[in-house]
Amino acid sequence: MLSRSKAVRAVKPAQVAAIQVVDRGKSVGWKDQLAEQLFRPVHASSLCVFRILYGLCLFMQTSKFSDVFINFSETSILFPYSGLGLFPPVSPHIGNCMLMALGISSITLTLGFFTRTSTIISYVLFAYIFHQCESNHNNHYILMCHVTFTSCFVDWGATLSLDSYLWKRKGKSQGQPTVPYYHVLLMQLLFSIPYFFGFVAKCNYDWLFRAQAPKTWFARRSGFPYNLWWYPWFIVWGGTAYDFAIVFLLYYKPTRYTLAFPGAIFFNCMNKLMFNIGVFPLAMMASLVLFVEPDFPAYMVAVARGKVSESRELMAWCTEVENRQAPDEEDGLAKEGKEGKGSCPRGARALTVRQTLVLVGLGIFVAFHILFPLRHFVLYPDNPSWTEEGHFGSWHMMLRTKVGRVTLELVQEDGKRLMIDPSDDSLINRRQHRKLEKLPHMMIMYAGNLANIFEAAGHKLSAIHAHSCFELNGRPPQQLFIESANLLDYVGTYERIGETAVGKWLQPLASLSEGVPQHALCSEARGTKGDIAVFDKIQKKAGFTLQDDNSLMRVLPDGTARYAYMTT
């Protein structure tokens, strides 16, 4: 058994300094109690096991990104997220090198080799690739950006890593590997957010009372269990109950292992089998290790290795750390003063500047992750599944089926008109075709790109009108775009804070009880083969040429040729 004195010495001075001193005999304010909990040292093994599992998920996702820059080379335009098109695109060659570097950094992250550097590199590369074009969007990419960014500030290489092994070899590591509790808490919160706000998003009429979109999805499938009338309702209400309860069940110890863990594994396996949504279910299951006792993985390793004494010492250390009152130490928690033991009264120790900054950062972190997903309730009043306003990052996952078509009426300054279906445009790739028409902000960017192409060909556009017909979750079809609106007037205005597009160039979603108003009934306008032929000629006149490898090049006025997507 580890003696009390040895247990005390096993804790590093910097770790001891993180423990807020509490006088058990005096009352302590909630701020002091909060700081004490956040900065108390806990064993690092659960956080570091998660690093290994997450690194594997990141590597798997990188392999799925392998054709990203090939797809970019086949289009004339990229669609960055609103307000995030800050960095210019790179060539496919450089992009593939970035993917290779991302794969390598995810491996070194998994191994814990130069852990913090690997984490920073992984975040920068992953975020850059993800933000280049919304045609690659998935909600779990957003989560992975958040996790990798936050991990730049936590010590998830403290153990089970090559870094910790090398530090031990050099004699620079002593005692049990610990991290402040807030390192673990940050990761727990990141994986709780999609569940809770997934529940908030599910609290809508279509989902709860019409079982849409599951009814539409399962109608396309045959066999058990999709042919059961009640199965869509089971998915709807079961999924809603799960999202509501799972966070509370995970944090409450009596239900963590009996209900939360089996429920999370079942739910995420069902998601993987039914919808095949990439690495998201795997990452969510990997996150369960964050909710076990922080020292549990290390304890199990010690038991598995037959190191009974080591496991007992680990348990004794944990008991000592939980029960001890920290002595006065360096790092600014308590300075030797005239009163002897410290200049601050017991029970109200002063925080260091670093700890104060950490608390401020945690406050900003929590505020952002609560307010950002809720912004559409305040800033954009219409249904975000229809307008897409406030949809990004709001955890509206698997809630809709929106199908339809758009025909663009291009009006040139000389009065000539062309009717073009974006689905016939050879200058955008397959992934973009799937998302372009039903995402209004992508359509606005596309309209701006068309204006640039026509201007380069000497045929300046004065207006672009959209004739559309869409249905959302089996509702009656209606227009998505206001036909009389000139889309060119709204390029660059999408999702400005507090400024909605509804009533300007987007139709509001019609009420089920009142039906579709006359002015929003579907348009029958369609593009013609003759107009497409003229459109192709204009594109060629603007310098676009398709290569034998399906890459799209553009010859600029100075005679140089570049990949088309890098010229807009």
Protein backbone atom coordinates (compact mmCIF):
# COMPACT_ATOMS: atom_id res chain seq x y z
CA MET A 1 0.00 0.00 0.00
CA LEU A 2 1.26 3.46 -0.88
CA SER A 3 1.95 5.44 2.27
CA ARG A 4 0.45 8.87 2.74
CA SER A 5 3.82 10.59 2.52
CA LYS A 6 4.70 8.78 -0.70
CA ALA A 7 1.32 9.60 -2.17
CA VAL A 8 1.87 13.26 -1.40
CA ARG A 9 5.32 13.20 -3.00
CA ALA A 10 3.87 11.45 -6.08
CA VAL A 11 2.03 14.61 -6.98
CA LYS A 12 4.16 17.15 -8.85
CA PRO A 13 4.43 20.67 -7.39
CA ALA A 14 2.72 22.16 -10.46
CA GLN A 15 -0.12 19.68 -10.03
CA VAL A 16 -0.40 20.42 -6.32
CA ALA A 17 -0.60 24.10 -7.17
CA ALA A 18 -3.66 23.37 -9.25
CA ILE A 19 -5.57 22.20 -6.16
CA GLN A 20 -7.51 24.96 -4.51
CA VAL A 21 -6.92 25.00 -0.78
CA VAL A 22 -10.08 24.63 1.25
CA ASP A 23 -10.47 25.01 4.95
CA ARG A 24 -12.97 22.33 5.88
CA GLY A 25 -14.04 24.35 8.85
CA LYS A 26 -14.98 27.50 6.98
CA SER A 27 -17.57 28.20 4.33
CA VAL A 28 -16.33 28.61 0.78
CA GLY A 29 -18.06 30.56 -1.98
CA TRP A 30 -19.33 28.86 -5.08
CA LYS A 31 -16.62 30.50 -7.19
CA ASP A 32 -13.91 28.98 -5.01
CA GLN A 33 -15.62 25.60 -5.09
CA LEU A 34 -15.91 25.77 -8.87
CA ALA A 35 -12.25 26.69 -9.25
CA GLU A 36 -11.25 23.91 -6.87
CA GLN A 37 -13.14 21.34 -8.93
CA LEU A 38 -11.91 22.56 -12.30
CA PHE A 39 -8.23 22.70 -11.36
CA ARG A 40 -8.01 19.59 -9.17
CA PRO A 41 -5.66 16.97 -10.65
CA VAL A 42 -7.14 13.76 -12.00
CA HIS A 43 -5.45 10.80 -13.61
CA ALA A 44 -4.76 11.32 -17.31
CA SER A 45 -5.34 7.76 -18.54
CA SER A 46 -8.98 8.12 -19.69
CA LEU A 47 -8.20 11.30 -21.62
CA CYS A 48 -5.17 9.68 -23.23
CA VAL A 49 -7.05 6.52 -24.21
CA PHE A 50 -9.53 8.82 -25.92
CA ARG A 51 -6.63 10.46 -27.77
CA ILE A 52 -5.66 7.09 -29.21
CA LEU A 53 -9.22 6.26 -30.31
CA TYR A 54 -9.83 9.74 -31.70
CA GLY A 55 -6.54 9.68 -33.61
CA LEU A 56 -7.70 6.49 -35.33
CA CYS A 57 -11.03 8.14 -36.22
CA LEU A 58 -9.17 11.13 -37.62
CA PHE A 59 -6.98 8.86 -39.74
CA MET A 60 -10.08 7.07 -41.07
CA GLN A 61 -11.67 10.40 -41.94
CA THR A 62 -8.50 11.53 -43.70
CA SER A 63 -8.66 8.45 -45.91
CA LYS A 64 -12.25 9.38 -46.81
CA PHE A 65 -10.98 12.83 -47.85
CA SER A 66 -8.63 11.26 -50.39
CA ASP A 67 -10.61 12.46 -53.44
CA VAL A 68 -11.42 15.97 -52.16
CA PHE A 69 -8.92 17.83 -54.31
CA ILE A 70 -9.64 15.61 -57.30
CA ASN A 71 -13.25 16.78 -57.03
CA PHE A 72 -12.09 20.37 -56.72
CA SER A 73 -10.14 20.04 -59.97
CA GLU A 74 -13.40 19.17 -61.76
CA THR A 75 -15.28 22.35 -60.86
CA SER A 76 -15.15 26.07 -61.63
CA ILE A 77 -16.15 27.24 -58.16
CA LEU A 78 -15.81 26.35 -54.49
CA PHE A 79 -18.56 27.13 -51.99
CA PRO A 80 -16.96 28.19 -48.69
CA TYR A 81 -19.12 28.52 -45.61
CA SER A 82 -20.70 31.89 -45.00
CA GLY A 83 -18.03 34.24 -43.63
CA LEU A 84 -15.33 31.55 -43.69
CA GLY A 85 -13.90 31.90 -47.19
CA LEU A 86 -10.80 33.59 -45.83
CA PHE A 87 -8.08 31.38 -47.24
CA PRO A 88 -7.48 30.90 -50.96
CA PRO A 89 -7.64 27.37 -52.36
CA VAL A 90 -4.48 25.45 -53.19
CA SER A 91 -3.70 23.33 -56.22
CA PRO A 92 -4.58 19.60 -56.20
CA HIS A 93 -0.90 18.73 -55.88
CA ILE A 94 -0.43 20.86 -52.76
CA GLY A 95 -3.81 19.72 -51.46
CA ASN A 96 -2.84 16.05 -51.74
CA CYS A 97 0.39 16.83 -49.89
CA MET A 98 -1.72 18.42 -47.16
CA LEU A 99 -3.86 15.29 -46.98
CA MET A 100 -0.73 13.17 -46.64
CA ALA A 101 0.54 15.44 -43.88
CA LEU A 102 -2.85 15.19 -42.14
CA GLY A 103 -2.68 11.41 -42.30
CA ILE A 104 0.83 11.41 -40.83
CA SER A 105 -0.10 13.86 -38.07
CA SER A 106 -3.13 11.74 -37.13
CA ILE A 107 -0.84 8.71 -36.77
CA THR A 108 1.69 10.60 -34.64
CA LEU A 109 -1.23 11.93 -32.59
CA THR A 110 -2.44 8.38 -32.02
CA LEU A 111 1.05 7.31 -30.95
CA GLY A 112 1.49 10.41 -28.80
CA PHE A 113 4.66 11.54 -30.53
CA PHE A 114 5.13 15.31 -30.38
CA THR A 115 1.52 15.24 -29.24
CA ARG A 116 0.77 18.94 -29.04
CA THR A 117 2.51 19.70 -32.32
CA SER A 118 0.66 16.83 -34.00
CA THR A 119 -2.63 18.14 -32.61
CA ILE A 120 -2.06 21.67 -33.89
CA ILE A 121 -1.02 20.42 -37.34
CA SER A 122 -4.05 18.11 -37.48
CA TYR A 123 -6.41 20.94 -36.59
CA VAL A 124 -4.97 23.44 -39.07
CA LEU A 125 -5.01 20.97 -41.96
CA PHE A 126 -8.39 19.42 -41.17
CA ALA A 127 -10.09 22.78 -40.65
CA TYR A 128 -8.58 24.20 -43.84
CA ILE A 129 -9.73 21.28 -45.99
CA PHE A 130 -13.17 21.19 -44.36
CA HIS A 131 -13.85 24.90 -44.85
CA GLN A 132 -12.88 25.01 -48.52
CA CYS A 133 -16.24 23.88 -49.91
CA GLU A 134 -19.61 23.16 -48.33
CA SER A 135 -20.22 20.32 -50.77
CA ASN A 136 -18.07 18.25 -48.37
CA HIS A 137 -20.19 19.18 -45.34
CA ASN A 138 -21.16 16.74 -42.61
CA ASN A 139 -22.10 17.64 -39.06
CA HIS A 140 -19.45 15.38 -37.60
CA TYR A 141 -16.75 17.34 -39.44
CA ILE A 142 -17.80 20.35 -37.36
CA LEU A 143 -17.51 18.26 -34.20
CA MET A 144 -14.07 17.03 -35.24
CA CYS A 145 -12.95 20.63 -35.83
CA HIS A 146 -14.13 21.57 -32.33
CA VAL A 147 -12.49 18.54 -30.70
CA THR A 148 -9.16 18.94 -32.48
CA PHE A 149 -9.05 22.69 -31.77
CA THR A 150 -9.85 22.22 -28.08
CA SER A 151 -7.26 19.45 -27.84
CA CYS A 152 -4.56 21.97 -28.68
CA PHE A 153 -5.05 23.29 -25.13
CA VAL A 154 -5.28 20.02 -23.17
CA ASP A 155 -2.55 17.60 -22.14
CA TRP A 156 -3.81 14.40 -23.72
CA GLY A 157 -0.28 13.10 -24.22
CA ALA A 158 0.52 12.88 -20.49
CA THR A 159 0.52 9.07 -20.59
CA LEU A 160 0.11 6.19 -23.04
CA SER A 161 2.28 8.12 -25.45
CA LEU A 162 5.78 8.07 -26.86
CA ASP A 163 6.25 11.52 -25.36
CA SER A 164 5.60 10.27 -21.81
CA TYR A 165 7.83 7.24 -22.40
CA LEU A 166 10.71 9.44 -23.55
CA TRP A 167 10.24 11.78 -20.60
CA LYS A 168 10.43 8.83 -18.23
CA ARG A 169 13.59 7.61 -19.92
CA LYS A 170 15.13 11.02 -19.32
CA GLY A 171 14.04 10.95 -15.69
CA LYS A 172 11.85 14.03 -16.10
CA SER A 173 8.57 12.34 -15.19
CA GLN A 174 7.63 11.60 -11.58
CA GLY A 175 4.63 10.06 -9.92
CA GLN A 176 1.24 9.51 -11.51
CA PRO A 177 0.39 11.31 -14.78
CA THR A 178 -2.29 13.89 -14.07
CA VAL A 179 -4.19 16.64 -15.81
CA PRO A 180 -6.49 19.34 -14.41
CA TYR A 181 -10.06 18.09 -14.32
CA TYR A 182 -11.20 20.77 -16.77
CA HIS A 183 -9.17 19.04 -19.52
CA VAL A 184 -11.46 16.02 -19.23
CA LEU A 185 -14.55 18.16 -18.70
CA LEU A 186 -13.98 20.11 -21.93
CA MET A 187 -13.99 16.90 -23.95
CA GLN A 188 -17.05 15.59 -22.14
CA LEU A 189 -18.92 18.81 -22.93
CA LEU A 190 -17.96 18.70 -26.61
CA PHE A 191 -19.51 15.26 -26.99
CA SER A 192 -22.55 16.17 -24.89
CA ILE A 193 -23.42 19.16 -27.08
CA PRO A 194 -24.51 17.21 -30.21
CA TYR A 195 -26.80 15.05 -28.09
CA PHE A 196 -28.50 17.88 -26.21
CA PHE A 197 -28.91 20.22 -29.16
CA GLY A 198 -29.90 17.26 -31.31
CA PHE A 199 -32.82 16.93 -28.89
CA VAL A 200 -33.62 20.65 -29.16
CA ALA A 201 -33.61 20.38 -32.97
CA LYS A 202 -35.94 17.36 -32.86
CA CYS A 203 -38.59 19.34 -30.99
CA ASN A 204 -40.41 20.33 -34.17
CA TYR A 205 -43.77 19.39 -35.66
CA ASP A 206 -42.53 17.44 -38.68
CA TRP A 207 -40.33 15.18 -36.60
CA LEU A 208 -42.50 14.55 -33.56
CA PHE A 209 -45.99 14.45 -35.07
CA ARG A 210 -45.47 13.49 -38.73
CA ALA A 211 -42.47 11.16 -38.29
CA GLN A 212 -40.73 13.02 -41.10
CA ALA A 213 -38.19 12.53 -42.54
CA PRO A 214 -37.91 8.83 -41.41
CA LYS A 215 -41.20 7.94 -43.13
CA THR A 216 -39.83 9.19 -46.44
CA TRP A 217 -36.49 7.43 -46.00
CA PHE A 218 -37.92 4.07 -45.02
CA ALA A 219 -40.55 4.13 -47.79
CA ARG A 220 -37.65 3.75 -50.23
CA ARG A 221 -36.46 0.58 -48.48
CA SER A 222 -37.93 -2.87 -48.28
CA GLY A 223 -37.79 -5.67 -45.77
CA PHE A 224 -37.66 -5.84 -42.00
CA PRO A 225 -37.83 -3.56 -40.04
CA TYR A 226 -38.48 -0.80 -42.59
CA ASN A 227 -41.82 -2.30 -43.65
CA LEU A 228 -43.26 -2.03 -40.13
CA TRP A 229 -45.69 0.87 -39.81
CA TRP A 230 -44.50 1.75 -36.33
CA TYR A 231 -40.76 1.69 -37.08
CA PRO A 232 -40.48 5.37 -38.16
CA TRP A 233 -42.29 6.35 -34.96
CA PHE A 234 -39.92 4.21 -32.91
CA ILE A 235 -36.93 5.97 -34.50
CA VAL A 236 -38.52 9.41 -33.96
CA TRP A 237 -39.57 9.09 -30.34
CA GLY A 238 -36.77 6.73 -29.35
CA GLY A 239 -34.17 9.06 -30.85
CA THR A 240 -35.71 12.10 -29.17
CA ALA A 241 -35.83 10.40 -25.77
CA TYR A 242 -32.26 9.19 -26.19
CA ASP A 243 -30.88 12.62 -27.09
CA PHE A 244 -32.71 14.17 -24.15
CA ALA A 245 -31.63 11.63 -21.54
CA ILE A 246 -28.18 10.42 -22.56
CA VAL A 247 -26.17 13.36 -21.21
CA PHE A 248 -27.80 13.13 -17.78
CA LEU A 249 -27.39 9.34 -17.73
CA LEU A 250 -23.70 9.66 -18.58
CA TYR A 251 -22.96 12.15 -15.80
CA TYR A 252 -25.02 10.28 -13.17
CA LYS A 253 -22.87 7.42 -11.86
CA PRO A 254 -25.65 4.95 -10.95
CA THR A 255 -26.95 4.97 -14.56
CA ARG A 256 -23.65 5.48 -16.42
CA TYR A 257 -22.75 1.84 -16.94
CA THR A 258 -26.19 0.23 -16.68
CA LEU A 259 -28.15 2.51 -19.04
CA ALA A 260 -25.97 5.16 -20.69
CA PHE A 261 -23.16 3.01 -22.08
CA PRO A 262 -25.38 0.22 -23.50
CA GLY A 263 -27.80 2.83 -24.86
CA ALA A 264 -25.05 4.85 -26.53
CA ILE A 265 -23.49 1.77 -28.12
CA PHE A 266 -26.88 0.55 -29.41
CA PHE A 267 -27.89 4.00 -30.71
CA ASN A 268 -24.63 4.66 -32.55
CA CYS A 269 -24.47 1.15 -34.01
CA MET A 270 -28.02 1.66 -35.34
CA ASN A 271 -26.96 4.97 -36.90
CA LYS A 272 -23.96 3.33 -38.55
CA LEU A 273 -26.01 0.44 -39.95
CA MET A 274 -29.04 2.46 -41.12
CA PHE A 275 -27.42 5.62 -42.45
CA ASN A 276 -23.70 4.85 -42.85
CA ILE A 277 -22.74 8.34 -41.66
CA GLY A 278 -18.98 7.97 -41.73
CA VAL A 279 -16.88 7.95 -38.57
CA PHE A 280 -19.39 9.92 -36.48
CA PRO A 281 -20.86 6.88 -34.64
CA LEU A 282 -17.34 5.54 -34.02
CA ALA A 283 -16.18 8.85 -32.57
CA MET A 284 -19.26 9.08 -30.34
CA MET A 285 -18.65 5.56 -29.01
CA ALA A 286 -14.97 6.37 -28.49
CA SER A 287 -16.01 9.36 -26.38
CA LEU A 288 -17.57 7.03 -23.78
CA VAL A 289 -14.11 6.45 -22.32
CA LEU A 290 -14.15 10.10 -21.23
CA PHE A 291 -17.00 9.32 -18.82
CA VAL A 292 -15.33 6.48 -16.91
CA GLU A 293 -13.34 7.31 -13.79
CA PRO A 294 -10.18 9.09 -15.02
CA ASP A 295 -7.86 6.49 -13.48
CA PHE A 296 -9.89 3.45 -14.57
CA PRO A 297 -7.93 2.60 -17.77
CA ALA A 298 -4.62 2.75 -15.88
CA TYR A 299 -6.05 0.62 -13.08
CA MET A 300 -7.29 -2.00 -15.56
CA VAL A 301 -3.91 -2.08 -17.31
CA ALA A 302 -2.20 -2.66 -13.96
CA VAL A 303 -4.60 -5.49 -13.10
CA ALA A 304 -4.23 -7.05 -16.56
CA ARG A 305 -0.45 -7.01 -16.17
CA GLY A 306 -0.76 -8.73 -12.81
CA LYS A 307 0.71 -5.70 -11.05
CA VAL A 308 -1.52 -5.92 -7.99
CA SER A 309 0.74 -3.69 -5.91
CA GLU A 310 0.79 -1.09 -8.69
CA SER A 311 -3.00 -1.06 -8.89
CA ARG A 312 -3.25 -0.66 -5.12
CA GLU A 313 -0.78 2.20 -5.19
CA LEU A 314 -2.82 3.87 -7.92
CA MET A 315 -6.01 3.59 -5.87
CA ALA A 316 -4.20 4.87 -2.79
CA TRP A 317 -2.87 7.83 -4.77
CA CYS A 318 -6.36 8.71 -5.98
CA THR A 319 -7.71 8.51 -2.44
CA GLU A 320 -4.92 10.73 -1.13
CA VAL A 321 -5.44 13.36 -3.83
CA GLU A 322 -9.19 13.46 -3.25
CA ASN A 323 -8.93 13.81 0.52
CA ARG A 324 -5.82 15.90 1.01
CA GLN A 325 -5.52 19.58 1.72
CA ALA A 326 -2.79 21.03 -0.44
CA PRO A 327 0.14 22.74 1.26
CA ASP A 328 1.19 26.18 0.30
CA GLU A 329 3.16 25.96 -2.93
CA GLU A 330 4.48 28.04 -5.73
CA ASP A 331 2.55 29.08 -8.84
CA GLY A 332 0.94 32.00 -7.02
CA LEU A 333 -1.73 30.13 -5.07
CA ALA A 334 -0.29 31.29 -1.76
CA LYS A 335 2.74 33.40 -1.10
CA GLU A 336 4.59 33.39 2.18
CA GLY A 337 3.55 36.54 3.98
CA LYS A 338 3.53 38.25 7.31
CA GLU A 339 0.87 35.91 8.60
CA GLY A 340 3.12 32.92 7.97
CA LYS A 341 1.35 30.47 5.71
CA GLY A 342 -0.19 32.76 3.18
CA SER A 343 -1.35 36.24 2.37
CA CYS A 344 -4.84 35.07 1.45
CA PRO A 345 -7.30 33.85 4.07
CA ARG A 346 -8.02 30.14 4.16
CA GLY A 347 -10.97 29.16 1.98
CA ALA A 348 -10.47 32.08 -0.41
CA ARG A 349 -7.16 31.51 -2.14
CA ALA A 350 -6.31 33.89 -4.96
CA LEU A 351 -6.22 32.48 -8.46
CA THR A 352 -3.15 32.91 -10.61
CA VAL A 353 -3.32 34.97 -13.78
CA ARG A 354 -3.14 31.77 -15.81
CA GLN A 355 -6.02 30.19 -13.91
CA THR A 356 -8.08 33.35 -14.29
CA LEU A 357 -7.50 33.28 -18.05
CA VAL A 358 -8.49 29.61 -18.11
CA LEU A 359 -11.76 30.40 -16.32
CA VAL A 360 -12.50 33.24 -18.75
CA GLY A 361 -11.73 30.94 -21.66
CA LEU A 362 -14.01 28.26 -20.25
CA GLY A 363 -16.80 30.81 -19.90
CA ILE A 364 -16.41 31.89 -23.53
CA PHE A 365 -16.26 28.25 -24.61
CA VAL A 366 -19.50 27.35 -22.83
CA ALA A 367 -21.30 30.51 -23.97
CA PHE A 368 -20.38 29.95 -27.62
CA HIS A 369 -21.43 26.31 -27.68
CA ILE A 370 -24.76 27.16 -26.06
CA LEU A 371 -25.67 30.32 -27.99
CA PHE A 372 -24.40 29.49 -31.48
CA PRO A 373 -26.71 26.48 -32.04
CA LEU A 374 -29.69 28.53 -30.81
CA ARG A 375 -29.12 31.61 -32.97
CA HIS A 376 -31.79 30.72 -35.52
CA PHE A 377 -34.51 31.06 -32.85
CA VAL A 378 -33.63 34.74 -32.41
CA LEU A 379 -32.03 35.91 -35.65
CA TYR A 380 -33.80 33.89 -38.35
CA PRO A 381 -37.47 33.20 -37.65
CA ASP A 382 -38.33 30.74 -40.44
CA ASN A 383 -37.69 26.99 -40.48
CA PRO A 384 -33.90 26.46 -40.79
CA SER A 385 -34.48 23.18 -42.62
CA TRP A 386 -36.16 25.24 -45.35
CA THR A 387 -34.09 28.44 -45.53
CA GLU A 388 -30.81 27.00 -44.12
CA GLU A 389 -30.41 30.22 -42.10
CA GLY A 390 -28.84 29.34 -38.76
CA HIS A 391 -28.62 25.68 -39.77
CA PHE A 392 -24.83 25.39 -39.84
CA GLY A 393 -23.45 24.19 -36.51
CA SER A 394 -26.91 23.91 -34.92
CA TRP A 395 -26.88 20.10 -34.75
CA HIS A 396 -29.94 19.64 -36.96
CA MET A 397 -28.94 16.11 -37.88
CA MET A 398 -30.98 13.76 -40.09
CA LEU A 399 -34.18 15.82 -39.73
CA ARG A 400 -35.23 16.58 -43.28
CA THR A 401 -35.71 15.49 -46.83
CA LYS A 402 -35.77 18.44 -49.22
CA VAL A 403 -36.13 17.61 -52.90
CA GLY A 404 -36.83 19.79 -55.90
CA ARG A 405 -35.36 21.66 -58.81
CA VAL A 406 -34.26 25.14 -59.86
CA THR A 407 -34.14 26.80 -63.25
CA LEU A 408 -32.19 30.03 -63.51
CA GLU A 409 -33.27 32.78 -65.87
CA LEU A 410 -30.15 34.69 -66.93
CA VAL A 411 -30.88 38.19 -68.25
CA GLN A 412 -28.09 39.86 -70.22
CA GLU A 413 -27.68 43.61 -70.51
CA ASP A 414 -28.69 43.47 -74.18
CA GLY A 415 -31.99 41.87 -73.17
CA LYS A 416 -31.17 38.31 -74.23
CA ARG A 417 -32.34 35.58 -71.86
CA LEU A 418 -31.14 32.06 -71.15
CA MET A 419 -32.96 29.42 -69.10
CA ILE A 420 -30.38 27.18 -67.38
CA ASP A 421 -30.79 24.23 -65.02
CA PRO A 422 -27.75 24.12 -62.69
CA SER A 423 -27.88 20.33 -62.90
CA ASP A 424 -26.88 20.68 -66.58
CA ASP A 425 -23.83 22.84 -65.82
CA SER A 426 -20.68 20.90 -66.71
CA LEU A 427 -18.52 23.30 -64.69
CA ILE A 428 -19.57 21.99 -61.27
CA ASN A 429 -18.86 18.51 -59.92
CA ARG A 430 -21.21 15.76 -58.78
CA ARG A 431 -21.07 16.54 -55.07
CA GLN A 432 -21.88 20.16 -55.74
CA HIS A 433 -24.81 19.19 -57.97
CA ARG A 434 -26.35 17.23 -55.09
CA LYS A 435 -26.32 20.19 -52.69
CA LEU A 436 -26.37 23.30 -54.85
CA GLU A 437 -30.05 23.57 -55.69
CA LYS A 438 -31.50 22.95 -52.23
CA LEU A 439 -29.05 25.16 -50.30
CA PRO A 440 -29.99 28.80 -50.97
CA HIS A 441 -26.66 30.29 -49.90
CA MET A 442 -24.83 28.03 -52.34
CA MET A 443 -27.22 29.16 -55.08
CA ILE A 444 -26.41 32.80 -54.31
CA MET A 445 -22.67 32.12 -54.61
CA TYR A 446 -23.32 30.20 -57.82
CA ALA A 447 -25.25 33.16 -59.24
CA GLY A 448 -22.32 35.45 -58.47
CA ASN A 449 -19.96 33.02 -60.21
CA LEU A 450 -22.19 32.94 -63.30
CA ALA A 451 -22.09 36.73 -63.45
CA ASN A 452 -18.27 36.62 -63.38
CA ILE A 453 -18.15 34.00 -66.15
CA PHE A 454 -20.50 35.94 -68.42
CA GLU A 455 -18.60 39.17 -67.82
CA ALA A 456 -15.31 37.45 -68.72
CA ALA A 457 -16.95 36.27 -71.96
CA GLY A 458 -18.17 39.78 -72.80
CA HIS A 459 -21.84 39.07 -72.00
CA LYS A 460 -22.58 40.99 -68.83
CA LEU A 461 -25.62 39.87 -66.82
CA SER A 462 -28.08 42.38 -65.42
CA ALA A 463 -30.23 39.92 -63.48
CA ILE A 464 -30.65 36.28 -62.47
CA HIS A 465 -34.07 34.99 -61.45
CA ALA A 466 -34.72 31.56 -59.92
CA HIS A 467 -37.77 29.47 -60.85
CA SER A 468 -38.06 26.69 -58.30
CA CYS A 469 -40.20 23.89 -56.94
CA PHE A 470 -39.35 22.10 -53.68
CA GLU A 471 -41.01 19.98 -51.06
CA LEU A 472 -39.79 19.57 -47.49
CA ASN A 473 -40.51 16.40 -45.53
CA GLY A 474 -43.45 15.41 -47.70
CA ARG A 475 -45.16 18.81 -47.46
CA PRO A 476 -46.95 20.22 -50.54
CA PRO A 477 -44.45 21.50 -53.14
CA GLN A 478 -43.85 25.24 -53.34
CA GLN A 479 -41.33 27.81 -54.52
CA LEU A 480 -38.15 28.17 -52.50
CA PHE A 481 -36.92 31.31 -54.30
CA ILE A 482 -38.98 34.43 -55.01
CA GLU A 483 -39.16 34.55 -58.81
CA SER A 484 -39.15 38.33 -59.09
CA ALA A 485 -36.02 38.74 -56.94
CA ASN A 486 -32.72 39.45 -58.69
CA LEU A 487 -30.24 37.09 -57.03
CA LEU A 488 -27.33 39.30 -58.08
CA ASP A 489 -28.59 41.96 -55.68
CA TYR A 490 -28.04 39.60 -52.75
CA VAL A 491 -24.63 38.11 -53.48
CA GLY A 492 -22.58 38.25 -50.27
CA THR A 493 -25.55 39.11 -48.03
CA TYR A 494 -26.55 35.65 -46.85
CA GLU A 495 -27.03 35.14 -43.09
CA ARG A 496 -25.94 38.56 -41.98
CA ILE A 497 -26.61 38.91 -38.28
CA GLY A 498 -30.31 39.54 -37.77
CA GLU A 499 -30.98 39.96 -41.50
CA THR A 500 -33.13 37.22 -42.99
CA ALA A 501 -33.53 36.45 -46.68
CA VAL A 502 -37.18 35.46 -46.22
CA GLY A 503 -39.42 37.91 -48.03
CA LYS A 504 -36.50 39.33 -50.02
CA TRP A 505 -35.40 36.43 -52.20
CA LEU A 506 -36.63 33.37 -50.28
CA GLN A 507 -40.22 32.26 -49.85
CA PRO A 508 -41.35 31.41 -46.30
CA LEU A 509 -42.32 27.81 -45.66
CA ALA A 510 -46.07 27.49 -46.12
CA SER A 511 -48.19 26.42 -43.18
CA LEU A 512 -49.65 22.91 -43.37
CA SER A 513 -53.01 24.17 -42.16
CA GLU A 514 -53.28 27.12 -44.56
CA GLY A 515 -51.67 25.55 -47.62
CA VAL A 516 -49.37 27.09 -50.21
CA PRO A 517 -50.39 30.65 -51.18
CA GLN A 518 -50.99 31.41 -54.85
CA HIS A 519 -47.84 33.48 -55.29
CA ALA A 520 -45.65 30.61 -53.99
CA LEU A 521 -47.01 27.84 -56.21
CA CYS A 522 -44.40 25.95 -58.19
CA SER A 523 -43.03 27.32 -61.44
CA GLU A 524 -42.97 25.16 -64.56
CA ALA A 525 -40.10 27.01 -66.24
CA ARG A 526 -37.32 24.70 -67.43
CA GLY A 527 -34.09 25.05 -69.33
CA THR A 528 -33.83 24.09 -73.00
CA LYS A 529 -31.14 22.23 -74.94
CA GLY A 530 -30.63 25.30 -77.11
CA ASP A 531 -29.96 27.49 -74.09
CA ILE A 532 -27.51 24.92 -72.69
CA ALA A 533 -25.59 24.94 -75.99
CA VAL A 534 -25.33 28.75 -75.85
CA PHE A 535 -24.29 28.53 -72.20
CA ASP A 536 -21.49 26.07 -73.07
CA LYS A 537 -20.19 28.43 -75.76
CA ILE A 538 -20.09 31.33 -73.31
CA GLN A 539 -18.15 29.20 -70.82
CA LYS A 540 -15.59 28.30 -73.47
CA LYS A 541 -15.33 31.95 -74.46
CA ALA A 542 -14.55 32.73 -70.81
CA GLY A 543 -11.55 30.40 -71.05
CA PHE A 544 -12.81 27.14 -69.53
CA THR A 545 -11.53 23.90 -71.05
CA LEU A 546 -12.09 20.30 -69.94
CA GLN A 547 -8.96 18.12 -69.90
CA ASP A 548 -8.69 14.41 -70.67
CA ASP A 549 -8.45 13.60 -66.95
CA ASN A 550 -11.76 15.48 -66.34
CA SER A 551 -9.95 18.35 -64.64
CA LEU A 552 -11.23 21.80 -65.54
CA MET A 553 -8.70 24.45 -66.54
CA ARG A 554 -9.16 28.13 -67.29
CA VAL A 555 -7.03 30.23 -69.60
CA LEU A 556 -6.67 33.71 -68.12
CA PRO A 557 -6.45 36.92 -70.20
CA ASP A 558 -2.65 36.93 -69.81
CA GLY A 559 -2.51 33.48 -71.45
CA THR A 560 -1.67 31.45 -68.34
CA ALA A 561 -3.73 28.35 -67.55
CA ARG A 562 -4.81 27.46 -64.02
CA TYR A 563 -7.24 25.09 -62.38
CA ALA A 564 -10.62 26.74 -62.82
CA TYR A 565 -11.61 26.63 -59.14
CA MET A 566 -8.53 28.70 -58.28
CA THR A 567 -9.51 31.59 -60.55
CA THR A 568 -12.79 32.65 -58.91
